[in-house]
N, C-alpha and C. Protein backbone atom coordinates (compact mmCIF):
# COMPACT_ATOMS: atom_id res chain seq x y z
N UNK A 1 -20.97 84.92 299.64
CA UNK A 1 -21.35 86.20 299.13
C UNK A 1 -20.29 86.73 298.14
N UNK A 2 -19.01 86.56 298.48
CA UNK A 2 -17.94 87.00 297.59
C UNK A 2 -17.98 86.29 296.26
N UNK A 3 -18.32 85.00 296.29
CA UNK A 3 -18.39 84.22 295.06
C UNK A 3 -19.48 84.79 294.13
N UNK A 4 -20.61 85.18 294.70
CA UNK A 4 -21.68 85.78 293.90
C UNK A 4 -21.28 87.16 293.38
N UNK A 5 -20.60 87.91 294.23
CA UNK A 5 -20.12 89.24 293.85
C UNK A 5 -19.19 89.15 292.63
N UNK A 6 -18.41 88.09 292.56
CA UNK A 6 -17.44 87.91 291.47
C UNK A 6 -18.11 87.91 290.10
N UNK A 7 -19.37 87.53 290.03
CA UNK A 7 -20.07 87.50 288.74
C UNK A 7 -20.26 88.89 288.14
N UNK A 8 -20.14 89.93 288.96
CA UNK A 8 -20.32 91.30 288.50
C UNK A 8 -18.99 91.99 288.18
N UNK A 9 -17.89 91.33 288.50
CA UNK A 9 -16.56 91.92 288.31
C UNK A 9 -16.16 91.83 286.85
N UNK A 10 -15.56 92.92 286.38
CA UNK A 10 -15.02 92.96 285.02
C UNK A 10 -13.53 93.29 285.09
N UNK A 11 -12.80 92.85 284.09
CA UNK A 11 -11.36 93.12 284.03
C UNK A 11 -11.11 94.62 284.19
N UNK A 12 -10.18 94.96 285.06
CA UNK A 12 -9.82 96.36 285.27
C UNK A 12 -10.56 97.05 286.40
N UNK A 13 -11.58 96.41 286.95
CA UNK A 13 -12.31 96.99 288.08
C UNK A 13 -11.39 97.13 289.29
N UNK A 14 -11.66 98.14 290.10
CA UNK A 14 -10.93 98.35 291.35
C UNK A 14 -11.96 98.48 292.46
N UNK A 15 -11.76 97.73 293.54
CA UNK A 15 -12.66 97.77 294.69
C UNK A 15 -11.85 97.97 295.95
N UNK A 16 -12.41 98.69 296.91
CA UNK A 16 -11.80 98.86 298.23
C UNK A 16 -12.79 98.31 299.25
N UNK A 17 -12.33 97.38 300.05
CA UNK A 17 -13.15 96.80 301.12
C UNK A 17 -12.61 97.33 302.43
N UNK A 18 -13.45 98.03 303.15
CA UNK A 18 -13.04 98.69 304.38
C UNK A 18 -13.79 98.08 305.55
N UNK A 19 -13.06 97.74 306.60
CA UNK A 19 -13.69 97.17 307.78
C UNK A 19 -12.68 96.99 308.89
N UNK A 20 -13.18 96.75 310.05
CA UNK A 20 -12.32 96.52 311.21
C UNK A 20 -11.47 95.27 311.02
N UNK A 21 -10.43 95.16 311.81
CA UNK A 21 -9.59 93.97 311.84
C UNK A 21 -10.46 92.76 312.13
N UNK A 22 -10.29 91.70 311.35
CA UNK A 22 -11.02 90.43 311.52
C UNK A 22 -12.52 90.56 311.23
N UNK A 23 -12.88 91.50 310.35
CA UNK A 23 -14.30 91.68 310.03
C UNK A 23 -14.76 90.84 308.84
N UNK A 24 -13.83 90.11 308.20
CA UNK A 24 -14.22 89.22 307.11
C UNK A 24 -13.81 89.67 305.72
N UNK A 25 -12.95 90.67 305.63
CA UNK A 25 -12.53 91.17 304.32
C UNK A 25 -11.81 90.09 303.52
N UNK A 26 -10.85 89.41 304.13
CA UNK A 26 -10.12 88.36 303.41
C UNK A 26 -11.04 87.19 303.09
N UNK A 27 -11.96 86.87 303.95
CA UNK A 27 -12.94 85.81 303.65
C UNK A 27 -13.75 86.19 302.42
N UNK A 28 -14.13 87.45 302.33
CA UNK A 28 -14.87 87.93 301.16
C UNK A 28 -14.00 87.82 299.90
N UNK A 29 -12.73 88.19 300.01
CA UNK A 29 -11.80 88.08 298.88
C UNK A 29 -11.64 86.62 298.46
N UNK A 30 -11.59 85.72 299.43
CA UNK A 30 -11.51 84.28 299.10
C UNK A 30 -12.71 83.86 298.26
N UNK A 31 -13.88 84.34 298.61
CA UNK A 31 -15.08 84.03 297.84
C UNK A 31 -15.02 84.62 296.44
N UNK A 32 -14.54 85.84 296.35
CA UNK A 32 -14.38 86.46 295.03
C UNK A 32 -13.44 85.64 294.17
N UNK A 33 -12.30 85.25 294.74
CA UNK A 33 -11.33 84.47 293.97
C UNK A 33 -11.90 83.12 293.56
N UNK A 34 -12.67 82.50 294.42
CA UNK A 34 -13.32 81.24 294.05
C UNK A 34 -14.26 81.48 292.86
N UNK A 35 -15.00 82.57 292.91
CA UNK A 35 -15.89 82.91 291.82
C UNK A 35 -15.16 83.26 290.53
N UNK A 36 -13.89 83.66 290.67
CA UNK A 36 -13.05 83.95 289.50
C UNK A 36 -12.17 82.76 289.13
N UNK A 37 -12.59 81.59 289.58
CA UNK A 37 -11.97 80.31 289.20
C UNK A 37 -10.54 80.13 289.70
N UNK A 38 -10.20 80.75 290.84
CA UNK A 38 -8.90 80.56 291.46
C UNK A 38 -9.04 79.46 292.50
N UNK A 39 -8.23 78.42 292.38
CA UNK A 39 -8.42 77.23 293.22
C UNK A 39 -7.32 77.00 294.26
N UNK A 40 -6.34 77.87 294.32
CA UNK A 40 -5.26 77.67 295.30
C UNK A 40 -5.53 78.45 296.58
N UNK A 41 -4.58 78.36 297.51
CA UNK A 41 -4.74 78.99 298.82
C UNK A 41 -4.73 80.52 298.70
N UNK A 42 -5.59 81.15 299.47
CA UNK A 42 -5.67 82.60 299.54
C UNK A 42 -5.38 83.00 300.98
N UNK A 43 -4.44 83.92 301.17
CA UNK A 43 -4.08 84.35 302.52
C UNK A 43 -4.20 85.86 302.64
N UNK A 44 -4.28 86.32 303.87
CA UNK A 44 -4.33 87.75 304.12
C UNK A 44 -2.95 88.35 303.88
N UNK A 45 -2.89 89.52 303.23
CA UNK A 45 -1.59 90.15 303.01
C UNK A 45 -1.15 91.04 304.17
N UNK A 46 -1.58 90.71 305.38
CA UNK A 46 -1.25 91.53 306.54
C UNK A 46 0.25 91.74 306.70
N UNK A 47 1.04 90.70 306.48
CA UNK A 47 2.49 90.82 306.67
C UNK A 47 3.22 91.11 305.37
N UNK A 48 2.69 90.65 304.25
CA UNK A 48 3.34 90.89 302.96
C UNK A 48 2.88 92.20 302.33
N UNK A 49 1.80 92.75 302.80
CA UNK A 49 1.12 93.96 302.32
C UNK A 49 0.40 93.77 300.99
N UNK A 50 0.97 92.96 300.08
CA UNK A 50 0.35 92.76 298.77
C UNK A 50 0.43 91.29 298.37
N UNK A 51 -0.69 90.72 297.96
CA UNK A 51 -0.73 89.37 297.37
C UNK A 51 -1.35 89.50 295.98
N UNK A 52 -0.74 88.83 295.02
CA UNK A 52 -1.28 88.84 293.65
C UNK A 52 -1.75 87.44 293.30
N UNK A 53 -2.90 87.37 292.63
CA UNK A 53 -3.49 86.09 292.25
C UNK A 53 -3.80 86.08 290.76
N UNK A 54 -3.43 85.00 290.10
CA UNK A 54 -3.69 84.84 288.67
C UNK A 54 -5.00 84.07 288.52
N UNK A 55 -6.10 84.79 288.66
CA UNK A 55 -7.44 84.19 288.54
C UNK A 55 -7.96 84.45 287.13
N UNK A 56 -9.25 84.34 286.94
CA UNK A 56 -9.87 84.64 285.64
C UNK A 56 -9.43 86.03 285.17
N UNK A 57 -9.37 86.97 286.12
CA UNK A 57 -8.78 88.29 285.92
C UNK A 57 -7.69 88.42 286.98
N UNK A 58 -6.64 89.17 286.72
CA UNK A 58 -5.62 89.38 287.75
C UNK A 58 -6.24 90.07 288.97
N UNK A 59 -5.90 89.58 290.15
CA UNK A 59 -6.39 90.17 291.40
C UNK A 59 -5.19 90.56 292.24
N UNK A 60 -5.17 91.81 292.68
CA UNK A 60 -4.12 92.29 293.58
C UNK A 60 -4.81 92.64 294.89
N UNK A 61 -4.46 91.92 295.93
CA UNK A 61 -5.07 92.06 297.26
C UNK A 61 -4.08 92.82 298.14
N UNK A 62 -4.43 94.03 298.52
CA UNK A 62 -3.54 94.90 299.29
C UNK A 62 -4.12 95.11 300.68
N UNK A 63 -3.25 95.05 301.68
CA UNK A 63 -3.67 95.33 303.06
C UNK A 63 -3.06 96.66 303.48
N UNK A 64 -3.89 97.65 303.66
CA UNK A 64 -3.43 98.99 304.02
C UNK A 64 -3.51 99.24 305.52
N UNK A 65 -3.78 98.20 306.29
CA UNK A 65 -4.05 98.36 307.72
C UNK A 65 -2.93 99.07 308.47
N UNK A 66 -1.68 98.66 308.22
CA UNK A 66 -0.56 99.23 308.97
C UNK A 66 -0.05 100.54 308.37
N UNK A 67 -0.37 100.78 307.13
CA UNK A 67 0.17 101.96 306.44
C UNK A 67 -0.84 103.11 306.48
N UNK A 68 -0.50 104.14 307.19
CA UNK A 68 -1.40 105.29 307.33
C UNK A 68 -1.07 106.40 306.34
N UNK A 69 0.07 106.29 305.65
CA UNK A 69 0.53 107.33 304.74
C UNK A 69 -0.03 107.10 303.34
N UNK A 70 -1.10 107.80 303.00
CA UNK A 70 -1.74 107.64 301.70
C UNK A 70 -0.76 107.97 300.57
N UNK A 71 0.09 108.95 300.77
CA UNK A 71 1.05 109.34 299.74
C UNK A 71 1.97 108.18 299.37
N UNK A 72 2.33 107.36 300.33
CA UNK A 72 3.18 106.20 300.04
C UNK A 72 2.48 105.25 299.07
N UNK A 73 1.19 105.00 299.28
CA UNK A 73 0.45 104.11 298.39
C UNK A 73 0.32 104.72 297.00
N UNK A 74 0.16 106.02 296.94
CA UNK A 74 0.08 106.69 295.63
C UNK A 74 1.41 106.53 294.89
N UNK A 75 2.52 106.68 295.60
CA UNK A 75 3.84 106.52 294.97
C UNK A 75 4.06 105.09 294.51
N UNK A 76 3.57 104.11 295.29
CA UNK A 76 3.75 102.71 294.93
C UNK A 76 2.91 102.33 293.72
N UNK A 77 1.85 103.08 293.48
CA UNK A 77 1.00 102.82 292.31
C UNK A 77 -0.01 101.78 292.59
């Protein structure tokens, strides 16, 4: 499904995927990255908080699960 979704993505788009822990968000991102011609390993940013991928378009995968302070994310940009 993520791979098909990737066909609608344009450079500069921003998406937020919200769901419970282990609900398939990273699996969906893996599909998106495959659809954006990224062929290397994709991992959850649970411990790193942010993973960046150089796909057809730059993809920044952020995990906000542990961070409840919205202001911190706004400051980080």
